[in-house]
Amino acid sequence: MPHPEISTIYEQYLTISGIAREQFAGEAGGKILVCASACCVAAVVAANVAGAASLWVDADAEALRAALRAGFCDFVVSTLDESLRILKNEVRQKRPVSVGLSADPQLALREMVERGFQPDLLIASAAGSEQETRILIQRGALVVPERSEQERDSSLLCWNVDAEAAQSLPRIAQVAAEALDPERPDTAARRRWLLAAPRYLGRSFARQGCVRMDRNESAAFVTRVRADNPAVSLTCDDAGI
């Protein structure tokens, strides 16, 4: 199973967090995202970091099991009933959880519609599922763009730690969180990502981190990180920072 870049997961997280801020009073806990597209890793991980529960529908059972082994998915089941039992308990307590459902996406979406199961967020590009997707949207599901527009006044900074990642990454994340401007409307979401994401990113990203910053934030962050952790590899999508 191909893994997405950490930056892809992060940008998807910003999109979901933005929707939560605008539509759910800033709270993604207790909400459910359904993803029935070709590859859902970025969406389900991003949703869980944001605090939402997620249901990933895929006909490829091995892809789901690979995601489970990699730490991207909490459960893999074979029926919608099993999925709903897990989701019901976690959603009631507003706890994030990711469930992989091994089933044909079109048939699974049809069953959701027939049974009245209603997600809050939806990513559905399964072939032939247009009618079911339209019904879920009419009933209130919000479509999550698979690609979001990047903020023009910020750049994406990424870092990689070669050694002692378990100790170094939390310190770097804390430095990044402290560098963020508290006046920006997305700062709470960015801080949540920095401090909560490692719990959901799985082993594949155990040495990596990233966050979007403006120039003032990134200058403060880079100065402190390079002074405290000179061996850390930093990259930025804006060469001017």
Protein backbone atom coordinates (compact mmCIF):
# COMPACT_ATOMS: atom_id res chain seq x y z
CA MET A 1 0.00 0.00 0.00
CA PRO A 2 1.54 3.34 -1.02
CA HIS A 3 1.84 5.82 1.81
CA PRO A 4 0.98 9.49 1.25
CA GLU A 5 3.48 12.20 2.06
CA ILE A 6 3.14 13.66 5.54
CA SER A 7 2.49 17.01 3.87
CA THR A 8 -0.55 15.52 2.11
CA ILE A 9 -1.99 14.33 5.41
CA TYR A 10 -1.30 17.70 6.98
CA GLU A 11 -2.99 19.71 4.21
CA GLN A 12 -6.01 17.39 4.42
CA TYR A 13 -6.04 17.97 8.18
CA LEU A 14 -6.06 21.74 7.68
CA THR A 15 -9.03 21.37 5.35
CA ILE A 16 -11.01 19.27 7.83
CA SER A 17 -10.09 21.56 10.71
CA GLY A 18 -11.19 24.56 8.65
CA ILE A 19 -14.58 22.95 8.00
CA ALA A 20 -14.92 22.18 11.71
CA ARG A 21 -14.07 25.78 12.59
CA GLU A 22 -16.64 27.18 10.16
CA GLN A 23 -19.43 24.59 10.39
CA PHE A 24 -19.10 22.78 13.74
CA ALA A 25 -18.11 25.61 16.11
CA GLY A 26 -14.51 24.41 15.96
CA GLU A 27 -15.30 20.91 17.27
CA ALA A 28 -14.72 17.84 15.08
CA GLY A 29 -15.23 15.43 17.97
CA GLY A 30 -18.42 13.42 17.56
CA LYS A 31 -18.41 13.85 13.77
CA ILE A 32 -17.97 11.05 11.23
CA LEU A 33 -16.04 11.18 7.96
CA VAL A 34 -16.76 8.56 5.30
CA CYS A 35 -14.13 8.01 2.65
CA ALA A 36 -14.88 5.79 -0.33
CA SER A 37 -12.20 6.94 -2.75
CA ALA A 38 -9.23 5.08 -4.17
CA CYS A 39 -6.88 5.88 -1.29
CA CYS A 40 -8.15 7.13 2.05
CA VAL A 41 -5.06 7.06 4.26
CA ALA A 42 -4.55 10.82 4.27
CA ALA A 43 -8.23 11.52 4.94
CA VAL A 44 -8.76 9.06 7.79
CA VAL A 45 -5.52 9.99 9.56
CA ALA A 46 -6.26 13.70 9.14
CA ALA A 47 -9.80 13.23 10.47
CA ASN A 48 -8.57 11.36 13.51
CA VAL A 49 -5.96 14.01 14.32
CA ALA A 50 -8.75 16.61 14.08
CA GLY A 51 -10.78 14.57 16.59
CA ALA A 52 -13.35 13.02 14.24
CA ALA A 53 -14.16 9.37 13.64
CA SER A 54 -13.71 7.91 10.18
CA LEU A 55 -15.00 5.05 8.06
CA TRP A 56 -12.80 3.97 5.15
CA VAL A 57 -14.61 1.81 2.60
CA ASP A 58 -12.40 -0.20 0.25
CA ALA A 59 -12.88 -3.39 -1.72
CA ASP A 60 -9.18 -4.17 -1.30
CA ALA A 61 -9.06 -6.03 2.02
CA GLU A 62 -5.29 -6.36 1.87
CA ALA A 63 -4.87 -2.59 1.57
CA LEU A 64 -6.96 -2.17 4.71
CA ARG A 65 -4.96 -4.81 6.58
CA ALA A 66 -1.73 -3.10 5.48
CA ALA A 67 -3.10 0.19 6.84
CA LEU A 68 -3.93 -1.57 10.11
CA ARG A 69 -0.40 -2.94 10.39
CA ALA A 70 1.08 0.48 9.62
CA GLY A 71 -0.98 2.12 12.36
CA PHE A 72 -3.19 4.18 10.03
CA CYS A 73 -6.37 2.30 10.88
CA ASP A 74 -7.71 1.06 14.23
CA PHE A 75 -10.08 -1.68 13.05
CA VAL A 76 -10.80 -3.63 9.87
CA VAL A 77 -14.24 -5.23 9.55
CA SER A 78 -16.30 -6.85 6.80
CA THR A 79 -19.84 -5.55 7.41
CA LEU A 80 -21.46 -2.16 7.89
CA ASP A 81 -23.06 -3.46 11.09
CA GLU A 82 -19.64 -4.07 12.63
CA SER A 83 -18.50 -0.61 11.52
CA LEU A 84 -21.51 1.10 13.07
CA ARG A 85 -21.11 -0.71 16.39
CA ILE A 86 -17.56 0.59 16.74
CA LEU A 87 -18.37 4.08 15.52
CA LYS A 88 -21.46 4.48 17.72
CA ASN A 89 -19.57 4.04 20.97
CA GLU A 90 -16.61 6.23 20.04
CA VAL A 91 -18.70 9.00 18.48
CA ARG A 92 -20.92 9.17 21.56
CA GLN A 93 -17.82 9.86 23.64
CA LYS A 94 -16.36 12.17 20.99
CA ARG A 95 -13.26 10.02 20.59
CA PRO A 96 -11.44 9.62 17.27
CA VAL A 97 -11.36 6.16 15.73
CA SER A 98 -10.68 4.86 12.23
CA VAL A 99 -12.58 1.85 10.89
CA GLY A 100 -11.77 0.11 7.63
CA LEU A 101 -14.71 -1.61 5.96
CA SER A 102 -13.79 -4.28 3.42
CA ALA A 103 -16.64 -3.94 0.92
CA ASP A 104 -17.54 -2.63 -2.50
CA PRO A 105 -17.72 1.15 -2.02
CA GLN A 106 -20.78 1.64 -4.23
CA LEU A 107 -22.74 -1.10 -2.45
CA ALA A 108 -21.64 0.15 0.96
CA LEU A 109 -22.74 3.71 0.18
CA ARG A 110 -26.06 2.39 -1.07
CA GLU A 111 -26.56 0.47 2.17
CA MET A 112 -25.73 3.59 4.19
CA VAL A 113 -28.38 5.53 2.30
CA GLU A 114 -30.99 2.78 2.68
CA ARG A 115 -30.34 2.41 6.40
CA GLY A 116 -30.28 6.12 7.11
CA PHE A 117 -26.67 6.23 8.25
CA GLN A 118 -25.56 9.82 7.80
CA PRO A 119 -21.92 10.95 7.85
CA ASP A 120 -21.03 14.55 8.62
CA LEU A 121 -18.09 14.66 6.18
CA LEU A 122 -17.71 12.82 2.91
CA ILE A 123 -15.00 11.94 0.40
CA ALA A 124 -16.56 9.72 -2.24
CA SER A 125 -15.19 9.15 -5.70
CA ALA A 126 -16.10 5.48 -6.07
CA ALA A 127 -17.20 4.68 -9.60
CA GLY A 128 -20.98 4.54 -9.91
CA SER A 129 -21.67 6.08 -6.50
CA GLU A 130 -22.84 9.49 -7.75
CA GLN A 131 -26.49 8.95 -6.79
CA GLU A 132 -25.68 7.76 -3.27
CA THR A 133 -23.20 10.58 -2.80
CA ARG A 134 -25.78 13.12 -3.92
CA ILE A 135 -28.35 11.79 -1.43
CA LEU A 136 -25.88 11.91 1.46
CA ILE A 137 -25.00 15.51 0.54
CA GLN A 138 -28.68 16.44 0.34
CA ARG A 139 -29.14 14.99 3.81
CA GLY A 140 -26.38 17.20 5.19
CA ALA A 141 -22.98 15.63 4.51
CA LEU A 142 -20.26 18.16 3.74
CA VAL A 143 -17.85 17.29 0.94
CA VAL A 144 -14.19 17.46 1.94
CA PRO A 145 -11.98 18.57 -0.95
CA GLU A 146 -9.17 16.08 -1.54
CA ARG A 147 -6.92 19.04 -2.30
CA SER A 148 -7.11 22.36 -0.52
CA GLU A 149 -5.84 25.75 -1.56
CA GLN A 150 -2.59 26.68 0.17
CA GLU A 151 -2.42 29.91 2.11
CA ARG A 152 -0.46 32.53 0.20
CA ASP A 153 1.07 34.09 3.31
CA SER A 154 2.53 30.87 4.68
CA SER A 155 4.95 28.11 3.74
CA LEU A 156 5.15 24.47 4.69
CA LEU A 157 8.12 23.58 6.89
CA CYS A 158 9.04 19.91 7.29
CA TRP A 159 11.69 18.29 9.45
CA ASN A 160 13.30 14.88 9.74
CA VAL A 161 15.17 13.45 12.72
CA ASP A 162 17.71 10.71 12.05
CA ALA A 163 18.41 9.67 15.65
CA GLU A 164 16.61 9.69 19.00
CA ALA A 165 13.34 10.65 17.31
CA ALA A 166 11.24 9.63 20.31
CA GLN A 167 12.93 12.33 22.37
CA SER A 168 13.68 14.94 19.70
CA LEU A 169 10.37 15.11 17.83
CA PRO A 170 8.22 16.12 20.82
CA ARG A 171 10.72 18.88 21.69
CA ILE A 172 10.72 20.18 18.11
CA ALA A 173 6.90 20.07 18.01
CA GLN A 174 6.75 22.07 21.23
CA VAL A 175 9.16 24.68 19.84
CA ALA A 176 7.01 24.94 16.71
CA ALA A 177 3.82 25.29 18.76
CA GLU A 178 5.37 28.10 20.81
CA ALA A 179 6.41 29.94 17.63
CA LEU A 180 2.86 30.14 16.27
CA ASP A 181 1.08 33.48 16.30
CA PRO A 182 -1.83 33.22 18.80
CA GLU A 183 -3.81 35.82 16.84
CA ARG A 184 -4.17 33.69 13.71
CA PRO A 185 -7.55 31.90 13.45
CA ASP A 186 -5.91 28.59 12.51
CA THR A 187 -3.36 28.53 15.32
CA ALA A 188 -5.38 26.25 17.60
CA ALA A 189 -5.69 23.71 14.79
CA ARG A 190 -1.99 23.94 13.94
CA ARG A 191 -1.03 23.42 17.57
CA ARG A 192 -3.34 20.44 17.79
CA TRP A 193 -1.62 18.91 14.78
CA LEU A 194 1.85 19.41 16.23
CA LEU A 195 1.02 17.86 19.59
CA ALA A 196 -1.53 15.19 18.62
CA ALA A 197 -0.52 14.01 15.15
CA PRO A 198 2.29 11.59 16.22
CA ARG A 199 -0.35 9.47 17.98
CA TYR A 200 -2.13 8.78 14.67
CA LEU A 201 0.56 8.99 12.00
CA GLY A 202 1.83 5.46 12.50
CA ARG A 203 5.32 4.07 12.29
CA SER A 204 5.94 5.35 8.76
CA PHE A 205 6.23 8.93 10.01
CA ALA A 206 7.93 8.26 13.33
CA ARG A 207 10.85 10.55 12.40
CA GLN A 208 8.99 13.32 10.57
CA GLY A 209 7.02 16.46 11.31
CA CYS A 210 5.61 19.46 9.48
CA VAL A 211 3.55 22.61 9.95
CA ARG A 212 2.52 25.63 7.89
CA MET A 213 3.94 28.97 9.14
CA ASP A 214 4.18 32.57 8.07
CA ARG A 215 7.59 34.25 7.77
CA ASN A 216 7.75 35.60 11.33
CA GLU A 217 6.74 32.26 12.82
CA SER A 218 9.16 30.27 10.70
CA ALA A 219 12.07 32.61 11.48
CA ALA A 220 11.57 32.15 15.22
CA PHE A 221 11.13 28.41 14.84
CA VAL A 222 14.13 27.79 12.58
CA THR A 223 16.43 29.85 14.80
CA ARG A 224 15.54 27.86 17.92
CA VAL A 225 15.57 24.46 16.24
CA ARG A 226 18.95 24.96 14.62
CA ALA A 227 20.40 26.15 17.92
CA ASP A 228 19.00 23.22 19.94
CA ASN A 229 19.06 20.46 17.30
CA PRO A 230 21.73 21.17 14.68
CA ALA A 231 21.39 17.66 13.20
CA VAL A 232 17.72 18.12 12.28
CA SER A 233 17.02 18.27 8.53
CA LEU A 234 14.67 21.14 7.64
CA THR A 235 12.96 21.77 4.32
CA CYS A 236 10.57 24.49 3.21
CA ASP A 237 8.41 24.97 0.12
CA ASP A 238 9.45 28.66 0.07
CA ALA A 239 13.17 29.10 -0.55
CA GLY A 240 12.93 32.64 0.82
CA ILE A 241 12.37 31.45 4.39
